[in-house]
N, C-alpha and C. Protein backbone atom coordinates (compact mmCIF):
# COMPACT_ATOMS: atom_id res chain seq x y z
N MET A 1 59.41 -30.93 23.90
CA MET A 1 58.44 -31.66 23.20
C MET A 1 57.10 -31.43 23.57
N THR A 2 56.05 -31.12 22.65
CA THR A 2 54.70 -30.74 23.08
C THR A 2 53.89 -32.19 23.37
N ALA A 3 53.21 -32.09 24.55
CA ALA A 3 52.62 -33.21 24.95
C ALA A 3 51.21 -33.31 24.07
N VAL A 4 50.93 -34.71 23.90
CA VAL A 4 49.70 -34.95 23.16
C VAL A 4 48.85 -35.91 24.04
N PHE A 5 47.70 -35.48 24.50
CA PHE A 5 46.78 -36.44 25.29
C PHE A 5 45.91 -37.14 24.45
N LEU A 6 45.94 -38.68 24.62
CA LEU A 6 44.90 -39.39 24.03
C LEU A 6 43.77 -39.60 24.82
N LEU A 7 42.51 -39.56 24.27
CA LEU A 7 41.32 -39.99 24.94
C LEU A 7 41.12 -41.46 24.83
N PRO A 8 40.20 -42.16 25.34
CA PRO A 8 40.07 -43.57 25.14
C PRO A 8 39.80 -43.77 23.64
N PRO A 9 40.72 -44.92 23.03
CA PRO A 9 40.54 -45.14 21.70
C PRO A 9 39.19 -45.66 21.21
N LEU A 10 38.96 -45.37 19.86
CA LEU A 10 37.77 -45.66 19.23
C LEU A 10 38.03 -47.13 18.62
N LEU A 11 37.41 -48.20 19.21
CA LEU A 11 37.88 -49.47 18.80
C LEU A 11 37.24 -50.07 17.40
N SER A 12 36.12 -49.58 17.15
CA SER A 12 35.50 -49.95 15.92
C SER A 12 34.35 -48.95 15.55
N SER A 13 33.79 -48.98 14.36
CA SER A 13 32.79 -48.09 13.96
C SER A 13 31.33 -48.16 14.73
N SER A 14 31.34 -49.30 15.47
CA SER A 14 30.15 -49.50 16.33
C SER A 14 30.55 -49.50 17.62
N ALA A 15 31.67 -49.02 18.07
CA ALA A 15 31.98 -48.91 19.49
C ALA A 15 31.23 -48.15 20.37
N ALA A 16 30.94 -48.57 21.57
CA ALA A 16 30.06 -47.86 22.63
C ALA A 16 30.83 -46.55 22.96
N ALA A 17 30.12 -45.53 23.38
CA ALA A 17 30.53 -44.09 23.45
C ALA A 17 31.50 -44.37 24.82
N SER A 18 32.65 -43.57 24.76
CA SER A 18 33.45 -43.44 25.91
C SER A 18 32.86 -42.35 26.82
N PRO A 19 33.44 -42.10 28.14
CA PRO A 19 32.90 -41.28 28.89
C PRO A 19 33.00 -39.68 28.33
N VAL A 20 34.05 -39.54 27.52
CA VAL A 20 34.19 -38.08 26.99
C VAL A 20 34.06 -37.96 25.54
N SER A 21 33.63 -39.02 24.70
CA SER A 21 33.44 -38.83 23.28
C SER A 21 32.67 -40.05 22.82
N ASP A 22 31.92 -39.86 21.71
CA ASP A 22 31.23 -40.91 20.97
C ASP A 22 31.98 -41.33 19.91
N ALA A 23 32.06 -42.62 19.57
CA ALA A 23 32.64 -43.13 18.53
C ALA A 23 31.90 -42.76 17.31
N PRO A 24 32.59 -42.33 16.11
CA PRO A 24 31.84 -42.20 14.95
C PRO A 24 31.13 -43.52 14.45
N SER A 25 29.83 -43.41 14.30
CA SER A 25 29.19 -44.49 13.61
C SER A 25 29.19 -44.43 12.18
N GLY A 26 29.86 -45.43 11.48
CA GLY A 26 30.26 -45.21 10.11
C GLY A 26 30.34 -46.54 9.33
N THR A 27 29.86 -46.49 8.04
CA THR A 27 29.85 -47.59 7.21
C THR A 27 30.53 -47.17 5.77
N VAL A 28 31.18 -48.04 5.17
CA VAL A 28 31.64 -47.74 3.86
C VAL A 28 30.98 -48.89 2.97
N ARG A 29 30.22 -48.65 2.06
CA ARG A 29 29.52 -49.51 1.27
C ARG A 29 30.23 -49.63 -0.08
N PRO A 30 30.97 -50.74 -0.39
CA PRO A 30 31.81 -50.81 -1.68
C PRO A 30 30.75 -50.97 -2.81
N GLY A 31 31.20 -50.35 -3.91
CA GLY A 31 30.37 -50.50 -5.14
C GLY A 31 30.98 -51.38 -6.15
N PRO A 32 30.07 -52.17 -6.75
CA PRO A 32 30.75 -53.21 -7.82
C PRO A 32 31.59 -52.60 -8.92
N GLY A 33 32.61 -53.25 -9.23
CA GLY A 33 33.32 -52.71 -10.47
C GLY A 33 34.05 -51.43 -10.21
N GLN A 34 34.27 -50.97 -8.93
CA GLN A 34 34.98 -49.58 -8.81
C GLN A 34 36.47 -49.84 -8.60
N GLY A 35 37.13 -50.96 -8.62
CA GLY A 35 38.60 -51.15 -8.43
C GLY A 35 38.82 -50.66 -7.12
N GLN A 36 39.81 -49.56 -6.76
CA GLN A 36 40.07 -49.22 -5.49
C GLN A 36 39.01 -48.35 -4.94
N GLY A 37 38.10 -48.12 -5.63
CA GLY A 37 36.97 -47.23 -5.01
C GLY A 37 36.02 -47.88 -4.15
N CYS A 38 35.37 -47.15 -3.34
CA CYS A 38 34.39 -47.65 -2.36
C CYS A 38 33.06 -46.87 -2.63
N GLY A 39 32.09 -47.22 -1.94
CA GLY A 39 30.85 -46.79 -1.99
C GLY A 39 30.54 -45.61 -1.08
N GLU A 40 29.37 -45.53 -0.83
CA GLU A 40 28.94 -44.45 0.10
C GLU A 40 29.49 -44.35 1.43
N LEU A 41 30.08 -43.29 2.04
CA LEU A 41 30.58 -43.31 3.38
C LEU A 41 29.67 -42.37 4.19
N ARG A 42 29.32 -42.82 5.31
CA ARG A 42 28.67 -41.97 6.31
C ARG A 42 29.14 -42.01 7.74
N LEU A 43 29.68 -41.00 8.26
CA LEU A 43 30.08 -41.01 9.66
C LEU A 43 29.50 -39.79 10.42
N ALA A 44 29.33 -40.17 11.77
CA ALA A 44 28.84 -39.32 12.65
C ALA A 44 29.23 -39.63 14.15
N GLY A 45 29.57 -38.51 14.95
CA GLY A 45 29.94 -38.75 16.30
C GLY A 45 30.41 -37.44 16.85
N GLN A 46 30.48 -37.41 18.26
CA GLN A 46 30.71 -36.24 19.01
C GLN A 46 32.24 -36.19 19.49
N LEU A 47 32.70 -34.88 19.73
CA LEU A 47 33.91 -34.62 20.34
C LEU A 47 33.55 -33.76 21.48
N PRO A 48 34.30 -34.02 22.64
CA PRO A 48 34.11 -33.12 23.67
C PRO A 48 34.79 -31.65 23.54
N ALA A 49 34.27 -30.78 24.19
CA ALA A 49 34.87 -29.40 24.14
C ALA A 49 36.20 -29.59 25.12
N PRO A 50 37.20 -29.33 24.60
CA PRO A 50 38.54 -29.55 25.37
C PRO A 50 38.78 -28.24 26.24
N PRO A 51 39.85 -28.48 27.08
CA PRO A 51 40.24 -27.48 27.98
C PRO A 51 40.74 -26.15 27.14
N ALA A 52 40.82 -25.01 27.74
CA ALA A 52 41.28 -23.80 26.94
C ALA A 52 42.64 -24.03 26.51
N GLY A 53 42.75 -23.62 25.22
CA GLY A 53 44.10 -23.73 24.60
C GLY A 53 44.35 -25.11 24.02
N MET A 54 43.43 -26.00 24.11
CA MET A 54 43.50 -27.35 23.43
C MET A 54 42.35 -27.67 22.41
N ALA A 55 42.78 -28.55 21.60
CA ALA A 55 41.71 -29.08 20.54
C ALA A 55 41.49 -30.62 20.85
N ALA A 56 40.31 -30.99 20.51
CA ALA A 56 39.92 -32.37 20.34
C ALA A 56 40.01 -32.75 18.95
N ARG A 57 40.87 -33.78 18.47
CA ARG A 57 41.06 -33.91 17.08
C ARG A 57 40.94 -35.57 16.69
N GLN A 58 40.43 -35.76 15.68
CA GLN A 58 40.39 -37.20 15.33
C GLN A 58 40.53 -37.26 13.80
N GLU A 59 41.27 -38.36 13.31
CA GLU A 59 41.26 -38.69 11.92
C GLU A 59 40.64 -39.98 11.71
N VAL A 60 39.86 -40.06 10.58
CA VAL A 60 39.29 -41.44 10.15
C VAL A 60 39.54 -41.74 8.83
N SER A 61 40.29 -42.77 8.36
CA SER A 61 40.75 -43.12 6.99
C SER A 61 40.15 -44.37 6.41
N VAL A 62 40.14 -44.21 5.07
CA VAL A 62 39.53 -45.56 4.47
C VAL A 62 40.71 -46.37 4.07
N GLY A 63 40.85 -47.58 4.68
CA GLY A 63 41.87 -48.50 4.38
C GLY A 63 41.59 -49.59 3.45
N ALA A 64 42.45 -50.53 3.36
CA ALA A 64 42.25 -51.70 2.47
C ALA A 64 41.04 -52.43 2.73
N GLY A 65 40.37 -52.83 1.48
CA GLY A 65 39.19 -53.53 1.56
C GLY A 65 38.01 -52.70 1.95
N CYS A 66 38.30 -51.28 1.74
CA CYS A 66 37.12 -50.15 2.17
C CYS A 66 36.86 -50.28 3.70
N LYS A 67 37.77 -50.66 4.57
CA LYS A 67 37.48 -50.83 5.96
C LYS A 67 37.99 -49.44 6.54
N LEU A 68 37.17 -48.99 7.69
CA LEU A 68 37.39 -47.73 8.27
C LEU A 68 38.46 -47.81 9.27
N ASP A 69 39.50 -47.03 9.36
CA ASP A 69 40.46 -46.73 10.35
C ASP A 69 40.09 -45.69 11.12
N LEU A 70 39.59 -45.87 12.42
CA LEU A 70 39.12 -44.87 13.36
C LEU A 70 40.34 -44.58 14.23
N GLY A 71 40.86 -43.36 13.90
CA GLY A 71 42.02 -42.94 14.92
C GLY A 71 41.59 -42.46 16.26
N PRO A 72 42.39 -42.49 17.17
CA PRO A 72 42.00 -42.05 18.55
C PRO A 72 41.72 -40.54 18.63
N VAL A 73 40.88 -40.13 19.46
CA VAL A 73 40.68 -38.82 19.77
C VAL A 73 41.75 -38.27 20.55
N ARG A 74 42.45 -37.28 20.24
CA ARG A 74 43.61 -36.67 20.85
C ARG A 74 43.31 -35.28 21.30
N PHE A 75 43.80 -34.88 22.41
CA PHE A 75 43.88 -33.54 22.93
C PHE A 75 45.14 -32.90 22.37
N VAL A 76 45.19 -31.95 21.55
CA VAL A 76 46.37 -31.39 21.06
C VAL A 76 46.50 -29.88 21.14
N PRO A 77 47.60 -29.04 21.27
CA PRO A 77 47.52 -27.54 21.29
C PRO A 77 46.53 -27.12 20.04
N ALA A 78 45.63 -26.19 20.47
CA ALA A 78 44.74 -25.64 19.45
C ALA A 78 45.35 -24.85 18.55
N PRO A 79 44.96 -24.89 17.12
CA PRO A 79 45.47 -23.82 16.11
C PRO A 79 45.03 -22.64 16.58
N ASP A 80 45.96 -21.58 16.51
CA ASP A 80 45.69 -20.09 16.76
C ASP A 80 45.01 -19.86 18.09
N ALA A 81 45.73 -20.59 19.03
CA ALA A 81 45.22 -20.61 20.56
C ALA A 81 45.15 -19.24 21.06
N ARG A 82 45.90 -18.30 20.58
CA ARG A 82 45.96 -16.85 21.17
C ARG A 82 44.75 -16.04 20.96
N ARG A 83 43.63 -16.67 20.36
CA ARG A 83 42.52 -15.86 19.94
C ARG A 83 41.84 -15.42 21.23
N HIS A 84 41.38 -14.13 21.22
CA HIS A 84 40.59 -13.50 22.31
C HIS A 84 39.12 -13.19 21.92
N THR A 85 38.30 -13.42 22.96
CA THR A 85 36.93 -12.90 22.72
C THR A 85 36.63 -11.89 23.63
N ALA A 86 35.43 -11.20 23.52
CA ALA A 86 35.00 -10.16 24.42
C ALA A 86 34.88 -10.75 25.88
N ALA A 87 34.88 -9.76 26.80
CA ALA A 87 34.94 -10.14 28.14
C ALA A 87 33.59 -10.83 28.49
N GLY A 88 33.71 -12.18 29.15
CA GLY A 88 32.57 -12.78 29.35
C GLY A 88 32.03 -13.67 28.31
N SER A 89 32.61 -13.62 27.13
CA SER A 89 32.04 -14.51 26.05
C SER A 89 33.01 -15.60 25.98
N ARG A 90 32.45 -16.81 25.41
CA ARG A 90 33.12 -18.02 25.16
C ARG A 90 33.07 -18.27 23.72
N GLU A 91 34.09 -18.98 23.24
CA GLU A 91 34.10 -19.38 21.76
C GLU A 91 34.50 -20.87 21.53
N LEU A 92 33.84 -21.50 20.63
CA LEU A 92 34.16 -22.78 20.23
C LEU A 92 34.34 -23.01 18.72
N ARG A 93 35.35 -23.57 18.28
CA ARG A 93 35.52 -23.71 16.81
C ARG A 93 35.53 -25.12 16.36
N THR A 94 34.92 -25.51 15.25
CA THR A 94 34.87 -26.83 14.72
C THR A 94 35.47 -26.76 13.30
N TRP A 95 35.97 -28.05 12.80
CA TRP A 95 36.45 -28.23 11.43
C TRP A 95 36.03 -29.58 11.17
N SER A 96 35.60 -29.69 9.94
CA SER A 96 35.37 -31.03 9.23
C SER A 96 36.05 -30.86 7.85
N GLU A 97 37.00 -31.86 7.66
CA GLU A 97 37.71 -31.72 6.25
C GLU A 97 37.95 -33.11 5.85
N MET A 98 37.73 -33.16 4.46
CA MET A 98 37.79 -34.47 3.68
C MET A 98 39.11 -34.20 2.71
N TYR A 99 40.23 -35.11 2.85
CA TYR A 99 41.28 -35.30 2.09
C TYR A 99 41.34 -36.47 1.15
N ASP A 100 41.83 -36.38 -0.11
CA ASP A 100 42.08 -37.33 -0.94
C ASP A 100 43.24 -38.28 -0.54
N CYS A 101 43.55 -39.28 -1.30
CA CYS A 101 44.68 -40.06 -1.09
C CYS A 101 46.04 -39.31 -1.13
N CYS A 102 46.08 -38.24 -1.86
CA CYS A 102 47.34 -37.54 -2.16
C CYS A 102 47.53 -36.40 -1.03
N GLY A 103 46.54 -36.34 -0.15
CA GLY A 103 46.51 -35.20 0.90
C GLY A 103 46.01 -34.06 0.41
N ILE A 104 45.26 -34.02 -0.50
CA ILE A 104 44.66 -32.68 -1.06
C ILE A 104 43.50 -32.60 -0.28
N LEU A 105 43.19 -31.31 0.20
CA LEU A 105 41.81 -31.05 0.88
C LEU A 105 40.87 -30.77 -0.20
N MET A 106 39.82 -31.64 -0.31
CA MET A 106 38.85 -31.57 -1.28
C MET A 106 37.63 -30.65 -0.85
N THR A 107 37.10 -30.84 0.32
CA THR A 107 35.98 -30.05 0.95
C THR A 107 36.13 -29.90 2.33
N ALA A 108 35.51 -28.93 2.88
CA ALA A 108 35.58 -28.62 4.38
C ALA A 108 34.58 -27.66 4.77
N LEU A 109 34.15 -27.83 5.96
CA LEU A 109 33.30 -26.92 6.69
C LEU A 109 33.87 -26.39 8.03
N TYR A 110 33.99 -25.06 8.27
CA TYR A 110 34.60 -24.58 9.56
C TYR A 110 33.40 -23.76 10.30
N THR A 111 33.51 -23.88 11.46
CA THR A 111 32.30 -22.92 12.17
C THR A 111 33.05 -22.36 13.36
N THR A 112 32.55 -21.10 13.79
CA THR A 112 32.81 -20.42 14.98
C THR A 112 31.72 -19.98 15.73
N THR A 113 31.50 -20.59 16.97
CA THR A 113 30.34 -20.22 17.78
C THR A 113 30.81 -19.40 19.01
N THR A 114 30.17 -18.49 19.38
CA THR A 114 30.23 -17.68 20.59
C THR A 114 29.03 -17.55 21.38
N TRP A 115 29.21 -17.52 22.76
CA TRP A 115 28.08 -17.51 23.58
C TRP A 115 28.59 -16.88 24.87
N ALA A 116 27.58 -16.70 25.91
CA ALA A 116 28.01 -16.50 27.34
C ALA A 116 27.21 -17.37 28.15
N ASN A 117 27.78 -17.91 29.36
CA ASN A 117 26.99 -18.57 30.34
C ASN A 117 26.80 -17.56 31.44
N VAL A 118 25.47 -17.35 31.79
CA VAL A 118 25.04 -16.41 32.61
C VAL A 118 23.94 -17.13 33.59
N GLY A 119 23.97 -17.05 34.68
CA GLY A 119 22.92 -17.46 35.71
C GLY A 119 22.35 -19.02 35.46
N GLY A 120 23.24 -19.88 35.23
CA GLY A 120 22.87 -21.28 34.82
C GLY A 120 22.30 -21.40 33.51
N GLY A 121 22.42 -20.50 32.45
CA GLY A 121 21.93 -20.59 31.27
C GLY A 121 22.85 -20.11 30.16
N VAL A 122 22.48 -19.98 28.99
CA VAL A 122 23.31 -19.38 27.86
C VAL A 122 22.62 -18.20 27.39
N ARG A 123 23.35 -17.26 26.83
CA ARG A 123 22.81 -16.14 25.97
C ARG A 123 23.74 -15.73 24.85
N GLU A 124 23.31 -14.87 24.04
CA GLU A 124 23.95 -14.19 23.10
C GLU A 124 24.75 -15.18 22.13
N VAL A 125 24.15 -16.22 21.74
CA VAL A 125 24.61 -17.37 20.91
C VAL A 125 24.73 -16.84 19.49
N ASN A 126 25.90 -17.01 18.84
CA ASN A 126 26.22 -16.62 17.51
C ASN A 126 27.04 -17.55 16.94
N THR A 127 26.66 -17.93 15.56
CA THR A 127 27.70 -18.81 14.84
C THR A 127 27.93 -18.32 13.47
N THR A 128 29.17 -18.63 12.88
CA THR A 128 29.45 -18.24 11.48
C THR A 128 30.13 -19.50 11.00
N ALA A 129 29.98 -19.51 9.59
CA ALA A 129 30.58 -20.67 8.96
C ALA A 129 31.51 -20.23 7.64
N ARG A 130 32.45 -21.07 7.50
CA ARG A 130 33.33 -20.78 6.41
C ARG A 130 33.36 -22.16 5.60
N HIS A 131 33.74 -22.29 4.41
CA HIS A 131 33.67 -23.47 3.48
C HIS A 131 34.89 -23.40 2.63
N HIS A 132 35.44 -24.63 2.25
CA HIS A 132 36.69 -24.83 1.42
C HIS A 132 36.28 -25.79 0.28
N TRP A 133 36.57 -25.57 -0.87
CA TRP A 133 36.32 -26.63 -1.94
C TRP A 133 37.53 -26.56 -2.89
N ASN A 134 38.05 -27.46 -3.28
CA ASN A 134 39.33 -27.65 -4.31
C ASN A 134 38.82 -27.53 -5.69
N ARG A 135 39.52 -26.47 -6.39
CA ARG A 135 38.96 -26.31 -7.72
C ARG A 135 40.30 -26.84 -8.76
N GLU A 136 39.91 -27.34 -9.87
CA GLU A 136 40.95 -27.82 -10.90
C GLU A 136 41.06 -26.86 -11.97
N PRO A 137 42.08 -27.02 -12.89
CA PRO A 137 42.13 -25.93 -14.05
C PRO A 137 40.91 -26.04 -14.81
N TRP A 138 40.76 -25.12 -15.72
CA TRP A 138 39.53 -24.97 -16.71
C TRP A 138 38.19 -25.02 -15.92
N ASP A 139 38.13 -24.38 -14.91
CA ASP A 139 36.90 -24.15 -14.05
C ASP A 139 36.22 -25.48 -13.82
N ALA A 140 36.92 -26.37 -13.31
CA ALA A 140 36.44 -27.70 -12.82
C ALA A 140 36.85 -27.90 -11.44
N GLY A 141 36.34 -29.03 -11.03
CA GLY A 141 36.60 -29.56 -9.60
C GLY A 141 35.50 -29.45 -8.79
N TRP A 142 35.61 -29.35 -7.40
CA TRP A 142 34.61 -29.24 -6.45
C TRP A 142 33.95 -27.90 -6.38
N SER A 143 32.66 -27.93 -6.14
CA SER A 143 31.80 -26.63 -6.14
C SER A 143 30.83 -26.77 -4.93
N LEU A 144 30.59 -25.55 -4.34
CA LEU A 144 29.66 -25.44 -3.13
C LEU A 144 28.29 -25.40 -3.77
N ALA A 145 27.59 -26.43 -3.22
CA ALA A 145 26.10 -26.59 -3.90
C ALA A 145 25.09 -25.98 -2.72
N GLY A 146 25.33 -25.80 -1.53
CA GLY A 146 24.36 -25.31 -0.75
C GLY A 146 24.82 -25.12 0.60
N THR A 147 24.40 -24.07 1.44
CA THR A 147 24.96 -23.95 2.91
C THR A 147 23.87 -23.43 3.67
N SER A 148 23.83 -23.60 4.98
CA SER A 148 22.95 -23.02 5.88
C SER A 148 23.63 -23.03 7.29
N HIS A 149 23.38 -22.19 8.31
CA HIS A 149 23.70 -22.16 9.59
C HIS A 149 22.64 -21.36 10.38
N SER A 150 22.52 -21.87 11.69
CA SER A 150 21.47 -21.40 12.57
C SER A 150 21.80 -21.55 13.99
N VAL A 151 21.22 -20.78 14.83
CA VAL A 151 21.23 -20.98 16.32
C VAL A 151 19.69 -21.06 16.77
N ASP A 152 19.53 -21.69 17.85
CA ASP A 152 18.08 -21.92 18.30
C ASP A 152 17.94 -21.10 19.57
N CYS A 153 18.84 -20.29 20.04
CA CYS A 153 18.77 -19.50 21.25
C CYS A 153 19.05 -18.01 20.81
N HIS A 154 18.17 -17.05 20.88
CA HIS A 154 18.36 -15.67 20.48
C HIS A 154 18.42 -14.74 21.59
N ALA A 155 18.06 -15.26 22.88
CA ALA A 155 18.14 -14.43 24.13
C ALA A 155 18.61 -15.32 25.30
N ALA A 156 18.13 -15.20 26.45
CA ALA A 156 18.74 -16.04 27.63
C ALA A 156 17.89 -17.31 27.53
N CYS A 157 18.51 -18.57 27.48
CA CYS A 157 17.99 -19.86 27.36
C CYS A 157 18.64 -20.85 28.26
N PRO A 158 17.96 -21.80 28.68
CA PRO A 158 18.61 -22.98 29.52
C PRO A 158 19.83 -23.59 28.89
N GLY A 159 19.79 -23.71 27.60
CA GLY A 159 20.71 -24.23 26.80
C GLY A 159 20.66 -23.85 25.32
N GLY A 160 21.72 -24.10 24.45
CA GLY A 160 21.54 -23.59 23.16
C GLY A 160 22.18 -24.55 22.14
N ARG A 161 21.91 -24.39 21.00
CA ARG A 161 22.49 -25.34 19.91
C ARG A 161 22.87 -24.43 18.62
N ALA A 162 23.93 -24.59 18.07
CA ALA A 162 24.34 -23.95 16.88
C ALA A 162 24.60 -24.92 15.83
N ALA A 163 24.13 -24.84 14.62
CA ALA A 163 24.24 -25.88 13.54
C ALA A 163 24.70 -25.24 12.27
N ALA A 164 25.41 -25.94 11.43
CA ALA A 164 25.88 -25.56 10.05
C ALA A 164 25.85 -26.63 9.19
N HIS A 165 25.58 -26.38 7.87
CA HIS A 165 25.46 -27.47 6.89
C HIS A 165 26.15 -26.87 5.65
N ALA A 166 26.79 -27.84 5.08
CA ALA A 166 27.36 -27.47 3.67
C ALA A 166 27.36 -28.61 2.69
N ALA A 167 27.01 -28.47 1.53
CA ALA A 167 26.97 -29.58 0.53
C ALA A 167 27.78 -29.15 -0.65
N PHE A 168 28.53 -30.13 -1.12
CA PHE A 168 29.52 -29.92 -2.33
C PHE A 168 29.32 -30.96 -3.47
N GLY A 169 29.44 -30.45 -4.64
CA GLY A 169 29.46 -31.33 -5.74
C GLY A 169 30.71 -31.41 -6.56
N TYR A 170 30.91 -32.29 -7.46
CA TYR A 170 32.16 -32.45 -8.19
C TYR A 170 31.78 -32.71 -9.68
N ARG A 171 32.45 -31.90 -10.54
CA ARG A 171 32.61 -32.13 -11.94
C ARG A 171 33.98 -31.76 -12.39
N GLY A 172 34.77 -32.80 -12.97
CA GLY A 172 36.12 -32.37 -13.27
C GLY A 172 36.77 -33.69 -13.81
N ILE A 173 38.08 -33.72 -13.63
CA ILE A 173 38.91 -34.77 -14.19
C ILE A 173 38.50 -36.18 -13.91
N PHE A 174 38.08 -36.51 -12.79
CA PHE A 174 37.69 -37.72 -12.34
C PHE A 174 36.28 -38.09 -12.61
N ASP A 175 35.49 -37.17 -13.00
CA ASP A 175 34.09 -37.42 -13.37
C ASP A 175 33.48 -36.36 -14.21
N LEU A 176 33.34 -36.49 -15.42
CA LEU A 176 32.81 -35.27 -16.22
C LEU A 176 31.40 -35.12 -16.14
N THR A 177 30.65 -36.12 -15.64
CA THR A 177 29.09 -36.08 -15.62
C THR A 177 28.70 -35.11 -14.45
N GLY A 178 29.32 -35.08 -13.32
CA GLY A 178 28.96 -34.39 -12.03
C GLY A 178 27.86 -35.05 -11.16
N ASP A 179 27.85 -36.38 -11.54
CA ASP A 179 26.92 -37.36 -10.89
C ASP A 179 27.41 -38.26 -9.89
N TRP A 180 28.85 -38.46 -9.87
CA TRP A 180 29.37 -39.51 -9.08
C TRP A 180 29.70 -38.98 -7.66
N TYR A 181 30.31 -37.87 -7.46
CA TYR A 181 30.82 -37.52 -6.11
C TYR A 181 29.98 -36.36 -5.59
N ALA A 182 29.65 -36.47 -4.18
CA ALA A 182 28.93 -35.46 -3.56
C ALA A 182 29.37 -35.70 -2.06
N ASN A 183 29.84 -34.40 -1.32
CA ASN A 183 30.28 -34.43 -0.06
C ASN A 183 29.25 -33.52 0.80
N THR A 184 28.73 -34.03 1.89
CA THR A 184 27.97 -33.24 2.68
C THR A 184 28.52 -33.26 4.16
N HIS A 185 28.78 -32.04 4.76
CA HIS A 185 29.32 -31.76 5.96
C HIS A 185 28.26 -31.21 6.84
N ASP A 186 28.25 -31.71 8.19
CA ASP A 186 27.30 -31.01 9.09
C ASP A 186 28.03 -30.85 10.47
N SER A 187 27.76 -29.69 11.15
CA SER A 187 28.38 -29.39 12.48
C SER A 187 27.34 -28.83 13.34
N THR A 188 27.32 -29.55 14.61
CA THR A 188 26.32 -28.91 15.60
C THR A 188 27.08 -28.86 16.93
N VAL A 189 26.95 -27.65 17.64
CA VAL A 189 27.60 -27.45 18.86
C VAL A 189 26.56 -27.22 19.76
N GLN A 190 26.65 -28.24 20.80
CA GLN A 190 25.65 -28.22 22.11
C GLN A 190 26.13 -27.30 23.09
N LEU A 191 25.43 -26.31 23.66
CA LEU A 191 25.87 -25.42 24.77
C LEU A 191 25.03 -25.76 25.90
N ASN A 192 25.57 -26.01 27.07
CA ASN A 192 24.83 -26.35 28.21
C ASN A 192 24.73 -25.15 29.24
N GLY A 193 23.71 -25.11 30.03
CA GLY A 193 23.80 -24.01 31.08
C GLY A 193 24.82 -24.10 32.08
N ASP A 194 25.40 -25.32 32.30
CA ASP A 194 26.39 -25.64 33.34
C ASP A 194 27.76 -25.20 32.89
N GLY A 195 27.96 -24.75 31.67
CA GLY A 195 29.23 -24.33 31.10
C GLY A 195 29.76 -25.29 30.16
N THR A 196 29.17 -26.61 30.17
CA THR A 196 29.94 -27.51 29.43
C THR A 196 29.38 -27.51 27.88
N ALA A 197 30.05 -28.01 27.03
CA ALA A 197 29.79 -28.21 25.62
C ALA A 197 30.32 -29.24 24.86
N SER A 198 29.64 -29.57 23.81
CA SER A 198 30.17 -30.64 22.94
C SER A 198 29.89 -30.22 21.50
N CYS A 199 30.82 -30.96 20.66
CA CYS A 199 30.59 -30.74 19.09
C CYS A 199 30.32 -32.16 18.49
N ARG A 200 29.35 -31.99 17.72
CA ARG A 200 28.88 -33.15 16.73
C ARG A 200 29.28 -32.83 15.35
N LEU A 201 29.99 -33.76 14.74
CA LEU A 201 30.51 -33.62 13.29
C LEU A 201 30.09 -34.66 12.60
N ASP A 202 29.39 -34.50 11.41
CA ASP A 202 29.00 -35.61 10.57
C ASP A 202 29.36 -35.26 9.06
N VAL A 203 29.67 -36.30 8.41
CA VAL A 203 29.92 -36.35 6.96
C VAL A 203 29.36 -37.33 6.29
N THR A 204 28.78 -37.02 4.94
CA THR A 204 28.33 -38.12 4.04
C THR A 204 28.89 -37.88 2.70
N LEU A 205 29.42 -39.01 2.14
CA LEU A 205 30.05 -38.97 0.79
C LEU A 205 29.31 -39.98 -0.17
N ARG A 206 29.03 -39.46 -1.21
CA ARG A 206 28.31 -40.47 -2.16
C ARG A 206 29.15 -41.55 -2.54
N HIS A 207 30.39 -41.12 -2.97
CA HIS A 207 31.41 -42.31 -3.20
C HIS A 207 32.80 -41.92 -2.54
N THR A 208 33.58 -42.75 -2.31
CA THR A 208 34.90 -42.52 -1.76
C THR A 208 35.98 -43.51 -2.24
N PHE A 209 37.33 -43.34 -1.92
CA PHE A 209 38.29 -44.17 -2.45
C PHE A 209 39.15 -44.52 -1.29
N ILE A 210 39.79 -45.69 -1.29
CA ILE A 210 40.77 -46.14 -0.33
C ILE A 210 41.85 -45.12 -0.13
N GLY A 211 42.32 -44.62 0.89
CA GLY A 211 43.29 -43.54 1.06
C GLY A 211 42.61 -42.24 1.45
N TRP A 212 41.36 -42.10 1.24
CA TRP A 212 40.81 -40.92 1.55
C TRP A 212 40.62 -40.72 3.17
N SER A 213 40.75 -39.47 3.63
CA SER A 213 40.63 -39.47 5.10
C SER A 213 39.71 -38.12 5.56
N TRP A 214 39.06 -38.40 6.79
CA TRP A 214 38.39 -37.31 7.27
C TRP A 214 39.08 -36.94 8.51
N VAL A 215 39.28 -35.43 8.69
CA VAL A 215 39.91 -34.87 9.94
C VAL A 215 38.87 -33.86 10.63
N ARG A 216 38.57 -34.26 11.75
CA ARG A 216 37.47 -33.31 12.47
C ARG A 216 38.13 -32.93 13.84
N GLY A 217 37.59 -31.78 14.16
CA GLY A 217 38.20 -31.21 15.56
C GLY A 217 37.26 -30.24 16.03
N CYS A 218 37.59 -30.03 17.39
CA CYS A 218 36.79 -29.09 18.21
C CYS A 218 37.62 -28.28 19.12
N ALA A 219 37.74 -26.99 19.12
CA ALA A 219 38.78 -26.24 19.99
C ALA A 219 37.98 -25.09 20.49
């Protein structure tokens, strides 16, 4: 049986940071007359860079009464853990995925950041981003509205940061106007000269529904 390691649980959306992770600070603001729907959702928080071959993973779901269920941060085997980088190079991957109540992946942002730790600093920082959005028949559904990604260290630096942003809009079966739903994902990888690193993953949804869930990870 594969072992799964739990980090200190996240007790509430306003819980204090644990020694290895920050609780996502999040609120769901219900909208009047939406039935089982909820209003704007904002979540933000950090995940630790896990040991080699492992991933730090957390799921946050919207429960009854539009209350957030903050799952624990777990260390689990990393997907595609056999990946190799160039000699001396390090790699950190993040993912931020929004699912609906039927388990359909609506929108997602994925990043891969590589760098090297040399002489107490970082160098050769590079990041790439991939995106997912779910389409419906008749050219409808989610669409990609805008993206960006960047690094702030292009040579040798004491530390570095890689960031990526993705914005999505929706026009389809559940809203013909295109004005109701919008998902925004942000990923920031902080690289330190001592070899440590962390992943910050944020998401903002204009409207959400009970049963929707956010899965985020760092590997």
